[in-house]
C-alpha atoms as a PDB file:
ATOM      1  CA  MET A   1      58.238  32.213  19.084  1.00  0.00           C
ATOM      2  CA  ASP A   2      57.261  29.707  21.716  1.00  0.00           C
ATOM      3  CA  VAL A   3      54.717  29.794  24.492  1.00  0.00           C
ATOM      4  CA  TYR A   4      54.777  27.238  27.249  1.00  0.00           C
ATOM      5  CA  CYS A   5      52.001  25.192  28.760  1.00  0.00           C
ATOM      6  CA  PRO A   6      51.012  26.956  31.995  1.00  0.00           C
ATOM      7  CA  ARG A   7      50.732  23.566  33.697  1.00  0.00           C
ATOM      8  CA  CYS A   8      53.715  21.471  32.544  1.00  0.00           C
ATOM      9  CA  GLY A   9      55.934  23.897  30.633  1.00  0.00           C
ATOM     10  CA  GLU A  10      55.867  22.024  27.311  1.00  0.00           C
ATOM     11  CA  PRO A  11      56.879  24.454  24.518  1.00  0.00           C
ATOM     12  CA  PHE A  12      54.481  25.159  21.658  1.00  0.00           C
ATOM     13  CA  ASP A  13      54.817  27.555  18.771  1.00  0.00           C
ATOM     14  CA  ALA A  14      52.401  30.477  19.159  1.00  0.00           C
ATOM     15  CA  TYR A  15      51.039  29.806  15.658  1.00  0.00           C
ATOM     16  CA  GLU A  16      50.320  26.194  16.621  1.00  0.00           C
ATOM     17  CA  VAL A  17      48.338  27.227  19.700  1.00  0.00           C
ATOM     18  CA  ARG A  18      46.358  29.821  17.779  1.00  0.00           C
ATOM     19  CA  HIS A  19      45.612  27.875  14.590  1.00  0.00           C
ATOM     20  CA  GLU A  20      46.146  24.148  15.104  1.00  0.00           C
ATOM     21  CA  PHE A  21      44.727  23.556  18.587  1.00  0.00           C
ATOM     22  CA  LYS A  22      41.032  22.770  18.662  1.00  0.00           C
ATOM     23  CA  THR A  23      38.936  25.468  20.317  1.00  0.00           C
ATOM     24  CA  ILE A  24      38.422  23.436  23.489  1.00  0.00           C
ATOM     25  CA  GLU A  25      42.151  22.613  23.665  1.00  0.00           C
ATOM     26  CA  ARG A  26      43.035  26.301  23.335  1.00  0.00           C
ATOM     27  CA  ILE A  27      40.552  27.269  26.052  1.00  0.00           C
ATOM     28  CA  LYS A  28      41.874  24.600  28.431  1.00  0.00           C
ATOM     29  CA  PHE A  29      45.447  25.612  27.597  1.00  0.00           C
ATOM     30  CA  TRP A  30      44.921  29.257  28.509  1.00  0.00           C
ATOM     31  CA  ARG A  31      42.863  28.506  31.607  1.00  0.00           C
ATOM     32  CA  GLY A  32      45.775  26.474  32.968  1.00  0.00           C
ATOM     33  CA  ALA A  33      44.139  23.048  32.657  1.00  0.00           C
ATOM     34  CA  GLY A  34      47.022  21.802  30.524  1.00  0.00           C
ATOM     35  CA  CYS A  35      48.050  20.982  26.998  1.00  0.00           C
ATOM     36  CA  PRO A  36      47.517  17.823  24.931  1.00  0.00           C
ATOM     37  CA  CYS A  37      50.672  16.411  26.605  1.00  0.00           C
ATOM     38  CA  CYS A  38      49.553  16.773  30.234  1.00  0.00           C
ATOM     39  CA  ILE A  39      45.764  17.185  30.207  1.00  0.00           C
ATOM     40  CA  ASN A  40      45.082  13.621  31.411  1.00  0.00           C
ATOM     41  CA  GLN A  41      48.002  13.393  33.854  1.00  0.00           C
ATOM     42  CA  LEU A  42      47.197  13.541  37.551  1.00  0.00           C
ATOM     43  CA  THR A  43      50.458  15.061  38.757  1.00  0.00           C
ATOM     44  CA  VAL A  44      52.668  17.402  36.812  1.00  0.00           C
ATOM     45  CA  VAL A  45      55.874  18.998  38.053  1.00  0.00           C
ATOM     46  CA  PRO A  46      55.682  22.715  37.184  1.00  0.00           C
ATOM     47  CA  THR A  47      58.678  24.298  35.484  1.00  0.00           C
ATOM     48  CA  PRO A  48      59.911  27.906  35.504  1.00  0.00           C
ATOM     49  CA  GLN A  49      58.541  28.229  31.969  1.00  0.00           C
ATOM     50  CA  ALA A  50      55.095  27.138  33.169  1.00  0.00           C
ATOM     51  CA  ALA A  51      55.162  29.649  36.028  1.00  0.00           C
ATOM     52  CA  ALA A  52      56.268  32.477  33.721  1.00  0.00           C
ATOM     53  CA  THR A  53      53.557  31.675  31.174  1.00  0.00           C
ATOM     54  CA  ALA A  54      50.881  31.528  33.867  1.00  0.00           C
ATOM     55  CA  ALA A  55      51.996  34.873  35.321  1.00  0.00           C
ATOM     56  CA  LEU A  56      52.063  36.542  31.900  1.00  0.00           C
ATOM     57  CA  ARG A  57      48.668  35.055  31.057  1.00  0.00           C
ATOM     58  CA  ASP A  58      47.243  36.571  34.251  1.00  0.00           C
ATOM     59  CA  THR A  59      48.757  39.930  33.326  1.00  0.00           C
ATOM     60  CA  LEU A  60      48.223  40.054  29.551  1.00  0.00           C
ATOM     61  CA  GLY A  61      45.134  37.887  29.138  1.00  0.00           C
ATOM     62  CA  ASP A  62      44.762  36.111  25.790  1.00  0.00           C
ATOM     63  CA  ASP A  63      47.299  38.217  23.867  1.00  0.00           C
ATOM     64  CA  ILE A  64      49.383  35.260  22.739  1.00  0.00           C
ATOM     65  CA  ASP A  65      51.745  37.370  20.624  1.00  0.00           C
ATOM     66  CA  ALA A  66      52.680  39.575  23.586  1.00  0.00           C
ATOM     67  CA  ILE A  67      53.173  36.539  25.815  1.00  0.00           C
ATOM     68  CA  ALA A  68      55.362  34.807  23.226  1.00  0.00           C
ATOM     69  CA  SER A  69      57.392  37.984  22.731  1.00  0.00           C
ATOM     70  CA  MET A  70      57.990  38.452  26.441  1.00  0.00           C
ATOM     71  CA  LEU A  71      58.949  34.797  26.905  1.00  0.00           C
ATOM     72  CA  ASP A  72      61.358  35.137  23.986  1.00  0.00           C
ATOM     73  CA  ASP A  73      62.924  38.177  25.658  1.00  0.00           C
ATOM     74  CA  VAL A  74      63.460  36.159  28.849  1.00  0.00           C
ATOM     75  CA  GLY A  75      65.288  33.567  26.769  1.00  0.00           C
ATOM     76  CA  PHE A  76      64.314  30.283  28.370  1.00  0.00           C
ATOM     77  CA  GLU A  77      66.428  27.465  27.038  1.00  0.00           C
ATOM     78  CA  VAL A  78      64.408  24.303  26.748  1.00  0.00           C
ATOM     79  CA  GLU A  79      66.370  21.234  27.817  1.00  0.00           C
ATOM     80  CA  PHE A  80      64.974  17.744  27.413  1.00  0.00           C
END
């Protein structure tokens, strides 16, 4: 199941965020500072996925499994 960067909307597998991100990357990710893709970018266009992840993070806190499950239920289709 995917979670999305709360800043840019880039999809990441929940396992990857939990186990492969460095501690500081994970903290910045969940605080809304960005992911490794957008952390050094000045301007980022937010996506619906980013807004949904940020809202769920505010509601559910750091429960990444619940966030991933709820985002999966919404069924965002990632188009690049």
